Amino acid sequence: MTPLLIFPCGGNSIEALDCIDESKYRVIGFVDDNPEKIGKKYFDIEVFDRTAFECFPDAKVLACIGSPYNFKKRGEIIASLGVAKERFVNIIHPSAKVSKFATIGTNCLIMAGVVISANAKIGDNVIILPNSVIHHDTEIGDNTCIGSNIVVAGFTKIGKNCYIGSGSNIINNISVGSNTLIGMGTNVVKSVGENKKIVGNPAREIQ
């Protein structure tokens, strides 16, 4: 089995444990920046600081930051780890249905019950939480987090560094600009620009 380090030690990382093919990967540790977590164990898995990336040079890495509070910085944080791109892996729950005609980037976490349809394009460092559906010809930009129970209809383009809150629906043939947050349960029926916060049904912008 290939050793695997998971960054950080947080909610998505813990959920990732259920997605891992244990015949392929063995989790040897979490990596975190919080000194209060370092040295402790969660689910009998030790938490290390960032030096673990050097101490375990043969370990693959999953970086699955998914907080709505720092979503615009996901790519920046992952780049700051200093981990070569070829060390990152995709973790896909066995119940997820990914079309053979879809394209998945690197360092993606795809959880249980997710459906990714034909010709969908998923960027790097993307998280898709349980039971979300990404329909045909949709593009999801790098560093974007898709919450649970979300439907993204066909021919939709979601930019980089976005956070799409759980329970949202995004109609077909529109775009969501980069660095945009869509609140939980929002129905998006027209295109949204960059650096926006959108909530509600019908969707509206807030500051």
Protein backbone atom coordinates (compact mmCIF):
# COMPACT_ATOMS: atom_id res chain seq x y z
CA MET A 1 0.00 0.00 0.00
CA THR A 2 1.10 3.54 -0.72
CA PRO A 3 1.53 5.80 2.34
CA LEU A 4 -0.73 8.85 2.39
CA LEU A 5 -0.60 12.14 4.29
CA ILE A 6 -3.76 14.26 4.60
CA PHE A 7 -3.72 18.05 5.10
CA PRO A 8 -5.13 19.55 7.27
CA CYS A 9 -6.67 17.71 10.23
CA GLY A 10 -10.22 18.96 9.81
CA GLY A 11 -13.73 17.98 8.84
CA ASN A 12 -13.15 17.20 5.19
CA SER A 13 -9.99 15.28 6.04
CA ILE A 14 -11.86 13.11 8.51
CA GLU A 15 -14.62 12.48 5.96
CA ALA A 16 -11.93 11.58 3.42
CA LEU A 17 -11.01 8.57 5.57
CA ASP A 18 -14.24 6.87 4.49
CA CYS A 19 -13.46 7.54 0.82
CA ILE A 20 -10.01 5.97 0.72
CA ASP A 21 -9.39 2.63 -0.96
CA GLU A 22 -7.57 0.87 1.87
CA SER A 23 -6.18 -1.72 -0.52
CA LYS A 24 -4.33 1.10 -2.27
CA TYR A 25 -3.49 3.71 0.38
CA ARG A 26 -2.49 3.62 4.03
CA VAL A 27 -2.97 6.87 5.94
CA ILE A 28 0.20 7.47 7.96
CA GLY A 29 -0.75 10.86 9.34
CA PHE A 30 -2.57 14.14 9.22
CA VAL A 31 -0.56 17.33 8.70
CA ASP A 32 -1.76 20.53 10.34
CA ASP A 33 -0.55 24.05 11.18
CA ASN A 34 -2.38 24.22 14.52
CA PRO A 35 0.14 23.56 17.32
CA GLU A 36 -2.68 22.37 19.58
CA LYS A 37 -3.34 19.44 17.24
CA ILE A 38 0.25 18.45 16.48
CA GLY A 39 1.29 15.31 18.35
CA LYS A 40 -2.27 14.24 19.07
CA LYS A 41 -4.11 11.36 17.43
CA TYR A 42 -7.49 11.36 15.71
CA PHE A 43 -8.96 7.98 14.85
CA ASP A 44 -5.58 6.59 15.92
CA ILE A 45 -3.84 8.66 13.23
CA GLU A 46 -1.09 11.00 14.41
CA VAL A 47 -1.00 14.70 13.53
CA PHE A 48 2.32 16.08 12.29
CA ASP A 49 3.54 19.53 11.31
CA ARG A 50 4.59 20.35 7.75
CA THR A 51 7.99 18.71 8.15
CA ALA A 52 6.17 15.41 7.59
CA PHE A 53 6.18 16.11 3.86
CA GLU A 54 9.98 15.90 3.95
CA CYS A 55 10.19 13.15 6.58
CA PHE A 56 7.98 10.86 4.47
CA PRO A 57 9.20 11.61 0.92
CA ASP A 58 7.50 8.54 -0.54
CA ALA A 59 4.09 9.46 0.84
CA LYS A 60 1.36 10.71 -1.45
CA VAL A 61 -0.64 13.75 -0.34
CA LEU A 62 -4.28 14.79 -0.23
CA ALA A 63 -4.85 18.45 0.65
CA CYS A 64 -8.55 19.01 1.26
CA ILE A 65 -9.12 22.44 2.73
CA GLY A 66 -12.81 23.25 2.52
CA SER A 67 -13.75 26.05 4.88
CA PRO A 68 -16.06 28.83 3.65
CA TYR A 69 -13.99 31.23 5.77
CA ASN A 70 -10.81 30.94 3.70
CA PHE A 71 -12.11 29.55 0.41
CA LYS A 72 -10.40 32.21 -1.70
CA LYS A 73 -7.01 31.16 -0.32
CA ARG A 74 -7.29 27.40 -0.92
CA GLY A 75 -4.94 27.39 -3.89
CA GLU A 76 -2.48 29.67 -2.13
CA ILE A 77 -2.43 27.46 0.98
CA ILE A 78 -1.95 24.28 -1.03
CA ALA A 79 0.89 25.87 -3.02
CA SER A 80 2.55 26.93 0.25
CA LEU A 81 2.92 23.27 1.25
CA GLY A 82 5.78 22.99 -1.23
CA VAL A 83 4.63 19.55 -2.38
CA ALA A 84 5.40 18.50 -5.95
CA LYS A 85 2.27 18.11 -8.06
CA GLU A 86 3.01 14.47 -8.83
CA ARG A 87 2.71 13.61 -5.13
CA PHE A 88 -0.93 14.68 -4.96
CA VAL A 89 -3.62 12.05 -5.49
CA ASN A 90 -7.34 11.96 -6.18
CA ILE A 91 -9.51 10.20 -3.62
CA ILE A 92 -12.87 9.06 -4.99
CA HIS A 93 -15.41 7.20 -2.87
CA PRO A 94 -16.30 3.82 -4.43
CA SER A 95 -19.99 4.76 -4.61
CA ALA A 96 -19.30 7.88 -6.70
CA LYS A 97 -20.19 7.60 -10.38
CA VAL A 98 -17.67 9.36 -12.60
CA SER A 99 -18.23 9.20 -16.34
CA LYS A 100 -15.40 7.73 -18.38
CA PHE A 101 -15.83 10.81 -20.55
CA ALA A 102 -15.30 13.25 -17.64
CA THR A 103 -11.95 14.86 -16.85
CA ILE A 104 -10.70 15.08 -13.27
CA GLY A 105 -7.69 17.20 -12.23
CA THR A 106 -5.25 16.41 -9.43
CA ASN A 107 -5.72 16.52 -5.66
CA CYS A 108 -9.50 16.12 -5.87
CA LEU A 109 -11.71 14.63 -3.16
CA ILE A 110 -15.00 13.19 -4.43
CA MET A 111 -17.26 11.82 -1.72
CA ALA A 112 -20.02 9.22 -1.52
CA GLY A 113 -22.94 9.36 -3.94
CA VAL A 114 -21.46 12.03 -6.20
CA VAL A 115 -22.33 11.81 -9.91
CA ILE A 116 -20.09 13.45 -12.51
CA SER A 117 -21.55 13.18 -15.99
CA ALA A 118 -20.09 12.98 -19.49
CA ASN A 119 -17.73 15.71 -20.66
CA ALA A 120 -17.66 17.42 -17.27
CA LYS A 121 -14.29 18.98 -16.48
CA ILE A 122 -13.16 19.14 -12.85
CA GLY A 123 -10.08 21.26 -12.07
CA ASP A 124 -7.29 20.73 -9.55
CA ASN A 125 -7.82 20.83 -5.77
CA VAL A 126 -11.59 20.44 -6.03
CA ILE A 127 -13.74 18.96 -3.26
CA ILE A 128 -17.21 17.60 -4.01
CA LEU A 129 -19.20 16.60 -0.92
CA PRO A 130 -21.73 13.73 -0.75
CA ASN A 131 -24.66 13.28 -3.13
CA SER A 132 -23.96 16.20 -5.45
CA VAL A 133 -24.55 15.94 -9.20
CA ILE A 134 -22.33 17.61 -11.79
CA HIS A 135 -24.13 17.33 -15.12
CA HIS A 136 -22.73 17.04 -18.63
CA ASP A 137 -20.40 19.65 -20.14
CA THR A 138 -19.98 21.49 -16.85
CA GLU A 139 -16.65 23.02 -15.83
CA ILE A 140 -15.55 23.35 -12.21
CA GLY A 141 -12.52 25.60 -11.73
CA ASP A 142 -9.44 24.91 -9.63
CA ASN A 143 -9.65 25.17 -5.83
CA THR A 144 -13.45 25.15 -5.74
CA CYS A 145 -15.48 23.39 -3.06
CA ILE A 146 -18.89 21.96 -3.97
CA GLY A 147 -21.04 21.21 -0.92
CA SER A 148 -23.39 18.27 -0.45
CA ASN A 149 -26.73 17.69 -2.22
CA ILE A 150 -25.99 20.22 -4.95
CA VAL A 151 -27.16 20.03 -8.55
CA VAL A 152 -25.10 21.80 -11.20
CA ALA A 153 -26.95 21.60 -14.52
CA GLY A 154 -25.33 21.09 -17.91
CA PHE A 155 -23.10 23.56 -19.76
CA THR A 156 -22.51 25.56 -16.58
CA LYS A 157 -19.11 27.03 -15.79
CA ILE A 158 -17.99 27.62 -12.21
CA GLY A 159 -14.78 29.60 -11.80
CA LYS A 160 -11.74 29.14 -9.59
CA ASN A 161 -11.70 29.51 -5.81
CA CYS A 162 -15.46 29.28 -5.37
CA TYR A 163 -17.47 27.87 -2.49
CA ILE A 164 -20.90 26.45 -3.35
CA GLY A 165 -22.97 25.88 -0.21
CA SER A 166 -24.82 22.64 0.40
CA GLY A 167 -28.32 22.24 -1.01
CA SER A 168 -27.84 24.77 -3.79
CA ASN A 169 -29.06 24.38 -7.38
CA ILE A 170 -27.40 26.02 -10.37
CA ILE A 171 -29.36 26.18 -13.61
CA ASN A 172 -27.88 25.18 -16.97
CA ASN A 173 -25.96 27.43 -19.37
CA ILE A 174 -24.81 30.04 -16.87
CA SER A 175 -21.51 30.93 -15.23
CA VAL A 176 -20.36 31.62 -11.70
CA GLY A 177 -17.32 33.87 -11.54
CA SER A 178 -14.15 33.07 -9.64
CA ASN A 179 -13.82 33.84 -5.92
CA THR A 180 -17.58 33.68 -5.42
CA LEU A 181 -19.49 32.21 -2.49
CA ILE A 182 -22.96 30.73 -3.00
CA GLY A 183 -24.79 30.32 0.31
CA MET A 184 -26.54 27.13 1.41
CA GLY A 185 -29.84 26.38 -0.31
CA THR A 186 -29.46 29.05 -2.98
CA ASN A 187 -31.14 28.63 -6.37
CA VAL A 188 -28.95 30.30 -8.98
CA VAL A 189 -30.87 31.02 -12.20
CA LYS A 190 -28.64 33.61 -13.88
CA SER A 191 -24.93 34.18 -14.25
CA VAL A 192 -22.95 35.56 -11.32
CA GLY A 193 -19.81 37.69 -11.57
CA GLU A 194 -16.51 37.33 -9.76
CA ASN A 195 -15.96 38.07 -6.06
CA LYS A 196 -19.65 37.89 -5.16
CA LYS A 197 -21.63 36.56 -2.20
CA ILE A 198 -24.96 35.14 -3.31
CA VAL A 199 -27.71 33.77 -1.05
CA GLY A 200 -31.39 32.94 -1.00
CA ASN A 201 -34.25 31.84 -3.21
CA PRO A 202 -34.43 33.72 -5.45
CA ALA A 203 -30.71 34.34 -5.34
CA ARG A 204 -29.54 37.82 -4.40
CA GLU A 205 -26.19 39.45 -3.74
CA ILE A 206 -25.12 40.49 -0.26
CA GLN A 207 -22.07 42.37 0.95
